[in-house]
Amino acid sequence: GKVFRAPVFDVEIVDRVGAGDAFAGGFLYGYLTKDVETGLQYGVALSALKQTNPGDLVWATKEECERVLAGAGLRIVR
């Protein structure tokens, strides 16, 4: 089998509720549009973004997730 790795993000946690759901959503998006490795990367990035805002929903866009993956930091622009 293959081993896939994803980046680790240093997150100042505001609220952890919903982070697993955000991971699942990001993973499914990346997996269905490309492959397992992309799914893992999107899942981790979206989960990290989710933990930076309160509540159980992630309010990040695909573009914000891609900026995180490109190394721009964990910031949701509103």
PDB file of N, CA and C in Angstrom:
ATOM      1  N   GLY A   1       0.799  -1.171   0.000  1.00  0.00           N
ATOM      2  CA  GLY A   1       0.000   0.000   0.000  1.00  0.00           C
ATOM      3  C   GLY A   1       0.858   1.257   0.000  1.00  0.00           C
ATOM      4  N   LYS A   2       0.242   2.343  -0.281  1.00  0.00           N
ATOM      5  CA  LYS A   2       0.906   3.646  -0.302  1.00  0.00           C
ATOM      6  C   LYS A   2       0.681   4.379   1.005  1.00  0.00           C
ATOM      7  N   VAL A   3       1.635   5.220   1.340  1.00  0.00           N
ATOM      8  CA  VAL A   3       1.521   6.101   2.498  1.00  0.00           C
ATOM      9  C   VAL A   3       1.409   7.528   1.970  1.00  0.00           C
ATOM     10  N   PHE A   4       0.409   8.236   2.425  1.00  0.00           N
ATOM     11  CA  PHE A   4       0.214   9.623   2.010  1.00  0.00           C
ATOM     12  C   PHE A   4       0.493  10.536   3.189  1.00  0.00           C
ATOM     13  N   ARG A   5       1.114  11.659   2.912  1.00  0.00           N
ATOM     14  CA  ARG A   5       1.421  12.635   3.954  1.00  0.00           C
ATOM     15  C   ARG A   5       0.777  13.969   3.590  1.00  0.00           C
ATOM     16  N   ALA A   6       0.420  14.693   4.631  1.00  0.00           N
ATOM     17  CA  ALA A   6      -0.185  16.014   4.440  1.00  0.00           C
ATOM     18  C   ALA A   6       0.542  17.002   5.330  1.00  0.00           C
ATOM     19  N   PRO A   7       0.466  18.285   4.999  1.00  0.00           N
ATOM     20  CA  PRO A   7       1.118  19.292   5.828  1.00  0.00           C
ATOM     21  C   PRO A   7       0.479  19.373   7.213  1.00  0.00           C
ATOM     22  N   VAL A   8       1.267  19.834   8.162  1.00  0.00           N
ATOM     23  CA  VAL A   8       0.778  20.070   9.519  1.00  0.00           C
ATOM     24  C   VAL A   8       0.680  21.575   9.704  1.00  0.00           C
ATOM     25  N   PHE A   9      -0.437  22.042  10.211  1.00  0.00           N
ATOM     26  CA  PHE A   9      -0.642  23.468  10.404  1.00  0.00           C
ATOM     27  C   PHE A   9      -0.675  23.789  11.888  1.00  0.00           C
ATOM     28  N   ASP A  10       0.053  24.824  12.279  1.00  0.00           N
ATOM     29  CA  ASP A  10       0.039  25.303  13.656  1.00  0.00           C
ATOM     30  C   ASP A  10      -1.185  26.201  13.797  1.00  0.00           C
ATOM     31  N   VAL A  11      -2.188  25.709  14.498  1.00  0.00           N
ATOM     32  CA  VAL A  11      -3.484  26.383  14.564  1.00  0.00           C
ATOM     33  C   VAL A  11      -3.747  26.927  15.958  1.00  0.00           C
ATOM     34  N   GLU A  12      -4.162  28.189  16.033  1.00  0.00           N
ATOM     35  CA  GLU A  12      -4.674  28.727  17.288  1.00  0.00           C
ATOM     36  C   GLU A  12      -6.158  28.368  17.320  1.00  0.00           C
ATOM     37  N   ILE A  13      -6.497  27.374  18.124  1.00  0.00           N
ATOM     38  CA  ILE A  13      -7.847  26.816  18.112  1.00  0.00           C
ATOM     39  C   ILE A  13      -8.844  27.757  18.781  1.00  0.00           C
ATOM     40  N   VAL A  14      -9.885  28.086  18.031  1.00  0.00           N
ATOM     41  CA  VAL A  14     -10.997  28.872  18.551  1.00  0.00           C
ATOM     42  C   VAL A  14     -12.136  27.918  18.921  1.00  0.00           C
ATOM     43  N   ASP A  15     -12.388  26.933  18.067  1.00  0.00           N
ATOM     44  CA  ASP A  15     -13.463  25.965  18.300  1.00  0.00           C
ATOM     45  C   ASP A  15     -13.169  24.708  17.483  1.00  0.00           C
ATOM     46  N   ARG A  16     -13.102  23.561  18.162  1.00  0.00           N
ATOM     47  CA  ARG A  16     -12.803  22.301  17.477  1.00  0.00           C
ATOM     48  C   ARG A  16     -14.039  21.629  16.897  1.00  0.00           C
ATOM     49  N   VAL A  17     -15.217  22.030  17.348  1.00  0.00           N
ATOM     50  CA  VAL A  17     -16.450  21.387  16.890  1.00  0.00           C
ATOM     51  C   VAL A  17     -16.599  21.561  15.374  1.00  0.00           C
ATOM     52  N   GLY A  18     -16.799  20.478  14.678  1.00  0.00           N
ATOM     53  CA  GLY A  18     -16.972  20.519  13.234  1.00  0.00           C
ATOM     54  C   GLY A  18     -15.700  20.279  12.449  1.00  0.00           C
ATOM     55  N   ALA A  19     -14.554  20.161  13.123  1.00  0.00           N
ATOM     56  CA  ALA A  19     -13.286  19.977  12.412  1.00  0.00           C
ATOM     57  C   ALA A  19     -13.242  18.644  11.663  1.00  0.00           C
ATOM     58  N   GLY A  20     -13.802  17.605  12.258  1.00  0.00           N
ATOM     59  CA  GLY A  20     -13.839  16.300  11.585  1.00  0.00           C
ATOM     60  C   GLY A  20     -14.740  16.315  10.367  1.00  0.00           C
ATOM     61  N   ASP A  21     -15.869  16.987  10.486  1.00  0.00           N
ATOM     62  CA  ASP A  21     -16.774  17.126   9.344  1.00  0.00           C
ATOM     63  C   ASP A  21     -16.114  17.938   8.233  1.00  0.00           C
ATOM     64  N   ALA A  22     -15.377  18.987   8.615  1.00  0.00           N
ATOM     65  CA  ALA A  22     -14.663  19.796   7.629  1.00  0.00           C
ATOM     66  C   ALA A  22     -13.606  18.951   6.922  1.00  0.00           C
ATOM     67  N   PHE A  23     -12.900  18.108   7.694  1.00  0.00           N
ATOM     68  CA  PHE A  23     -11.914  17.219   7.080  1.00  0.00           C
ATOM     69  C   PHE A  23     -12.590  16.304   6.067  1.00  0.00           C
ATOM     70  N   ALA A  24     -13.707  15.707   6.463  1.00  0.00           N
ATOM     71  CA  ALA A  24     -14.415  14.783   5.570  1.00  0.00           C
ATOM     72  C   ALA A  24     -14.850  15.482   4.285  1.00  0.00           C
ATOM     73  N   GLY A  25     -15.383  16.690   4.416  1.00  0.00           N
ATOM     74  CA  GLY A  25     -15.811  17.435   3.238  1.00  0.00           C
ATOM     75  C   GLY A  25     -14.656  17.784   2.318  1.00  0.00           C
ATOM     76  N   GLY A  26     -13.554  18.255   2.909  1.00  0.00           N
ATOM     77  CA  GLY A  26     -12.374  18.582   2.109  1.00  0.00           C
ATOM     78  C   GLY A  26     -11.786  17.357   1.443  1.00  0.00           C
ATOM     79  N   PHE A  27     -11.723  16.257   2.189  1.00  0.00           N
ATOM     80  CA  PHE A  27     -11.191  15.013   1.624  1.00  0.00           C
ATOM     81  C   PHE A  27     -12.038  14.553   0.443  1.00  0.00           C
ATOM     82  N   LEU A  28     -13.342  14.524   0.626  1.00  0.00           N
ATOM     83  CA  LEU A  28     -14.218  14.063  -0.455  1.00  0.00           C
ATOM     84  C   LEU A  28     -14.105  14.947  -1.688  1.00  0.00           C
ATOM     85  N   TYR A  29     -14.009  16.262  -1.480  1.00  0.00           N
ATOM     86  CA  TYR A  29     -13.848  17.158  -2.626  1.00  0.00           C
ATOM     87  C   TYR A  29     -12.566  16.822  -3.391  1.00  0.00           C
ATOM     88  N   GLY A  30     -11.445  16.764  -2.674  1.00  0.00           N
ATOM     89  CA  GLY A  30     -10.173  16.489  -3.336  1.00  0.00           C
ATOM     90  C   GLY A  30     -10.114  15.118  -3.975  1.00  0.00           C
ATOM     91  N   TYR A  31     -10.658  14.127  -3.305  1.00  0.00           N
ATOM     92  CA  TYR A  31     -10.653  12.754  -3.821  1.00  0.00           C
ATOM     93  C   TYR A  31     -11.515  12.636  -5.074  1.00  0.00           C
ATOM     94  N   LEU A  32     -12.691  13.225  -5.035  1.00  0.00           N
ATOM     95  CA  LEU A  32     -13.601  13.104  -6.174  1.00  0.00           C
ATOM     96  C   LEU A  32     -13.174  13.941  -7.374  1.00  0.00           C
ATOM     97  N   THR A  33     -12.426  15.016  -7.135  1.00  0.00           N
ATOM     98  CA  THR A  33     -11.977  15.840  -8.259  1.00  0.00           C
ATOM     99  C   THR A  33     -10.598  15.447  -8.767  1.00  0.00           C
ATOM    100  N   LYS A  34      -9.802  14.728  -7.930  1.00  0.00           N
ATOM    101  CA  LYS A  34      -8.466  14.355  -8.388  1.00  0.00           C
ATOM    102  C   LYS A  34      -8.050  12.982  -7.882  1.00  0.00           C
ATOM    103  N   ASP A  35      -7.571  12.895  -6.623  1.00  0.00           N
ATOM    104  CA  ASP A  35      -7.084  11.617  -6.100  1.00  0.00           C
ATOM    105  C   ASP A  35      -7.032  11.636  -4.574  1.00  0.00           C
ATOM    106  N   VAL A  36      -6.614  10.516  -3.985  1.00  0.00           N
ATOM    107  CA  VAL A  36      -6.579  10.381  -2.524  1.00  0.00           C
ATOM    108  C   VAL A  36      -5.639  11.397  -1.889  1.00  0.00           C
ATOM    109  N   GLU A  37      -4.466  11.592  -2.474  1.00  0.00           N
ATOM    110  CA  GLU A  37      -3.497  12.529  -1.897  1.00  0.00           C
ATOM    111  C   GLU A  37      -4.051  13.953  -1.865  1.00  0.00           C
ATOM    112  N   THR A  38      -4.690  14.361  -2.935  1.00  0.00           N
ATOM    113  CA  THR A  38      -5.310  15.684  -2.976  1.00  0.00           C
ATOM    114  C   THR A  38      -6.427  15.774  -1.945  1.00  0.00           C
ATOM    115  N   GLY A  39      -7.184  14.710  -1.804  1.00  0.00           N
ATOM    116  CA  GLY A  39      -8.234  14.673  -0.795  1.00  0.00           C
ATOM    117  C   GLY A  39      -7.684  14.870   0.601  1.00  0.00           C
ATOM    118  N   LEU A  40      -6.578  14.210   0.901  1.00  0.00           N
ATOM    119  CA  LEU A  40      -5.951  14.352   2.213  1.00  0.00           C
ATOM    120  C   LEU A  40      -5.507  15.793   2.445  1.00  0.00           C
ATOM    121  N   GLN A  41      -4.898  16.402   1.443  1.00  0.00           N
ATOM    122  CA  GLN A  41      -4.425  17.779   1.584  1.00  0.00           C
ATOM    123  C   GLN A  41      -5.584  18.751   1.814  1.00  0.00           C
ATOM    124  N   TYR A  42      -6.635  18.630   1.019  1.00  0.00           N
ATOM    125  CA  TYR A  42      -7.801  19.499   1.202  1.00  0.00           C
ATOM    126  C   TYR A  42      -8.461  19.251   2.554  1.00  0.00           C
ATOM    127  N   GLY A  43      -8.549  17.997   2.957  1.00  0.00           N
ATOM    128  CA  GLY A  43      -9.162  17.678   4.242  1.00  0.00           C
ATOM    129  C   GLY A  43      -8.436  18.309   5.406  1.00  0.00           C
ATOM    130  N   VAL A  44      -7.121  18.189   5.415  1.00  0.00           N
ATOM    131  CA  VAL A  44      -6.327  18.754   6.507  1.00  0.00           C
ATOM    132  C   VAL A  44      -6.414  20.282   6.507  1.00  0.00           C
ATOM    133  N   ALA A  45      -6.319  20.887   5.332  1.00  0.00           N
ATOM    134  CA  ALA A  45      -6.373  22.353   5.251  1.00  0.00           C
ATOM    135  C   ALA A  45      -7.736  22.884   5.688  1.00  0.00           C
ATOM    136  N   LEU A  46      -8.803  22.258   5.235  1.00  0.00           N
ATOM    137  CA  LEU A  46     -10.138  22.735   5.593  1.00  0.00           C
ATOM    138  C   LEU A  46     -10.421  22.525   7.076  1.00  0.00           C
ATOM    139  N   SER A  47      -9.945  21.424   7.620  1.00  0.00           N
ATOM    140  CA  SER A  47     -10.104  21.172   9.054  1.00  0.00           C
ATOM    141  C   SER A  47      -9.360  22.222   9.874  1.00  0.00           C
ATOM    142  N   ALA A  48      -8.157  22.567   9.440  1.00  0.00           N
ATOM    143  CA  ALA A  48      -7.382  23.595  10.145  1.00  0.00           C
ATOM    144  C   ALA A  48      -8.094  24.943  10.078  1.00  0.00           C
ATOM    145  N   LEU A  49      -8.606  25.296   8.899  1.00  0.00           N
ATOM    146  CA  LEU A  49      -9.344  26.553   8.761  1.00  0.00           C
ATOM    147  C   LEU A  49     -10.572  26.571   9.661  1.00  0.00           C
ATOM    148  N   LYS A  50     -11.277  25.459   9.738  1.00  0.00           N
ATOM    149  CA  LYS A  50     -12.485  25.389  10.569  1.00  0.00           C
ATOM    150  C   LYS A  50     -12.185  25.729  12.017  1.00  0.00           C
ATOM    151  N   GLN A  51     -11.064  25.268  12.521  1.00  0.00           N
ATOM    152  CA  GLN A  51     -10.737  25.462  13.929  1.00  0.00           C
ATOM    153  C   GLN A  51     -10.399  26.905  14.277  1.00  0.00           C
ATOM    154  N   THR A  52     -10.270  27.765  13.275  1.00  0.00           N
ATOM    155  CA  THR A  52      -9.940  29.168  13.533  1.00  0.00           C
ATOM    156  C   THR A  52     -11.170  30.050  13.702  1.00  0.00           C
ATOM    157  N   ASN A  53     -12.379  29.479  13.563  1.00  0.00           N
ATOM    158  CA  ASN A  53     -13.585  30.282  13.764  1.00  0.00           C
ATOM    159  C   ASN A  53     -14.593  29.533  14.628  1.00  0.00           C
ATOM    160  N   PRO A  54     -15.429  30.272  15.356  1.00  0.00           N
ATOM    161  CA  PRO A  54     -16.383  29.627  16.266  1.00  0.00           C
ATOM    162  C   PRO A  54     -17.557  28.995  15.521  1.00  0.00           C
ATOM    163  N   GLY A  55     -18.182  28.050  16.183  1.00  0.00           N
ATOM    164  CA  GLY A  55     -19.359  27.405  15.612  1.00  0.00           C
ATOM    165  C   GLY A  55     -19.012  26.071  14.981  1.00  0.00           C
ATOM    166  N   ASP A  56     -20.035  25.395  14.500  1.00  0.00           N
ATOM    167  CA  ASP A  56     -19.820  24.055  13.972  1.00  0.00           C
ATOM    168  C   ASP A  56     -19.764  23.994  12.450  1.00  0.00           C
ATOM    169  N   LEU A  57     -19.763  25.136  11.789  1.00  0.00           N
ATOM    170  CA  LEU A  57     -19.662  25.173  10.332  1.00  0.00           C
ATOM    171  C   LEU A  57     -18.347  25.806   9.914  1.00  0.00           C
ATOM    172  N   VAL A  58     -17.822  25.329   8.798  1.00  0.00           N
ATOM    173  CA  VAL A  58     -16.616  25.950   8.252  1.00  0.00           C
ATOM    174  C   VAL A  58     -17.064  26.987   7.220  1.00  0.00           C
ATOM    175  N   TRP A  59     -16.584  28.203   7.385  1.00  0.00           N
ATOM    176  CA  TRP A  59     -16.979  29.292   6.500  1.00  0.00           C
ATOM    177  C   TRP A  59     -15.827  29.675   5.584  1.00  0.00           C
ATOM    178  N   ALA A  60     -15.157  28.694   5.016  1.00  0.00           N
ATOM    179  CA  ALA A  60     -14.028  28.947   4.123  1.00  0.00           C
ATOM    180  C   ALA A  60     -14.414  28.572   2.696  1.00  0.00           C
ATOM    181  N   THR A  61     -13.841  29.281   1.755  1.00  0.00           N
ATOM    182  CA  THR A  61     -14.078  28.982   0.344  1.00  0.00           C
ATOM    183  C   THR A  61     -12.986  28.051  -0.177  1.00  0.00           C
ATOM    184  N   LYS A  62     -13.218  27.527  -1.353  1.00  0.00           N
ATOM    185  CA  LYS A  62     -12.214  26.689  -2.013  1.00  0.00           C
ATOM    186  C   LYS A  62     -10.927  27.488  -2.217  1.00  0.00           C
ATOM    187  N   GLU A  63     -11.057  28.745  -2.593  1.00  0.00           N
ATOM    188  CA  GLU A  63      -9.883  29.583  -2.829  1.00  0.00           C
ATOM    189  C   GLU A  63      -9.091  29.794  -1.541  1.00  0.00           C
ATOM    190  N   GLU A  64      -9.782  29.985  -0.414  1.00  0.00           N
ATOM    191  CA  GLU A  64      -9.093  30.144   0.867  1.00  0.00           C
ATOM    192  C   GLU A  64      -8.362  28.863   1.246  1.00  0.00           C
ATOM    193  N   CYS A  65      -8.979  27.743   0.989  1.00  0.00           N
ATOM    194  CA  CYS A  65      -8.343  26.451   1.258  1.00  0.00           C
ATOM    195  C   CYS A  65      -7.091  26.293   0.390  1.00  0.00           C
ATOM    196  N   GLU A  66      -7.173  26.675  -0.855  1.00  0.00           N
ATOM    197  CA  GLU A  66      -6.023  26.580  -1.758  1.00  0.00           C
ATOM    198  C   GLU A  66      -4.906  27.528  -1.346  1.00  0.00           C
ATOM    199  N   ARG A  67      -5.244  28.700  -0.812  1.00  0.00           N
ATOM    200  CA  ARG A  67      -4.211  29.617  -0.309  1.00  0.00           C
ATOM    201  C   ARG A  67      -3.480  28.999   0.876  1.00  0.00           C
ATOM    202  N   VAL A  68      -4.211  28.314   1.749  1.00  0.00           N
ATOM    203  CA  VAL A  68      -3.578  27.627   2.883  1.00  0.00           C
ATOM    204  C   VAL A  68      -2.614  26.568   2.360  1.00  0.00           C
ATOM    205  N   LEU A  69      -3.044  25.797   1.389  1.00  0.00           N
ATOM    206  CA  LEU A  69      -2.188  24.748   0.826  1.00  0.00           C
ATOM    207  C   LEU A  69      -0.963  25.329   0.124  1.00  0.00           C
ATOM    208  N   ALA A  70      -1.087  26.550  -0.389  1.00  0.00           N
ATOM    209  CA  ALA A  70       0.039  27.205  -1.055  1.00  0.00           C
ATOM    210  C   ALA A  70       0.987  27.873  -0.064  1.00  0.00           C
ATOM    211  N   GLY A  71       0.627  27.843   1.231  1.00  0.00           N
ATOM    212  CA  GLY A  71       1.515  28.393   2.250  1.00  0.00           C
ATOM    213  C   GLY A  71       1.203  29.810   2.679  1.00  0.00           C
ATOM    214  N   ALA A  72       0.016  30.308   2.333  1.00  0.00           N
ATOM    215  CA  ALA A  72      -0.332  31.692   2.664  1.00  0.00           C
ATOM    216  C   ALA A  72      -0.819  31.875   4.094  1.00  0.00           C
ATOM    217  N   GLY A  73      -0.961  30.806   4.842  1.00  0.00           N
ATOM    218  CA  GLY A  73      -1.392  30.925   6.237  1.00  0.00           C
ATOM    219  C   GLY A  73      -2.864  30.632   6.423  1.00  0.00           C
ATOM    220  N   LEU A  74      -3.232  30.515   7.681  1.00  0.00           N
ATOM    221  CA  LEU A  74      -4.606  30.157   8.046  1.00  0.00           C
ATOM    222  C   LEU A  74      -5.435  31.405   8.270  1.00  0.00           C
ATOM    223  N   ARG A  75      -5.934  31.959   7.194  1.00  0.00           N
ATOM    224  CA  ARG A  75      -6.722  33.181   7.323  1.00  0.00           C
ATOM    225  C   ARG A  75      -7.928  33.102   6.406  1.00  0.00           C
ATOM    226  N   ILE A  76      -9.085  33.344   6.997  1.00  0.00           N
ATOM    227  CA  ILE A  76     -10.308  33.417   6.215  1.00  0.00           C
ATOM    228  C   ILE A  76     -10.593  34.893   5.981  1.00  0.00           C
ATOM    229  N   VAL A  77     -10.739  35.268   4.731  1.00  0.00           N
ATOM    230  CA  VAL A  77     -10.942  36.670   4.373  1.00  0.00           C
ATOM    231  C   VAL A  77     -12.434  36.945   4.278  1.00  0.00           C
ATOM    232  N   ARG A  78     -12.892  37.950   5.003  1.00  0.00           N
ATOM    233  CA  ARG A  78     -14.304  38.344   4.957  1.00  0.00           C
ATOM    234  C   ARG A  78     -14.413  39.810   4.658  1.00  0.00           C
TER     235      ARG A  78
END
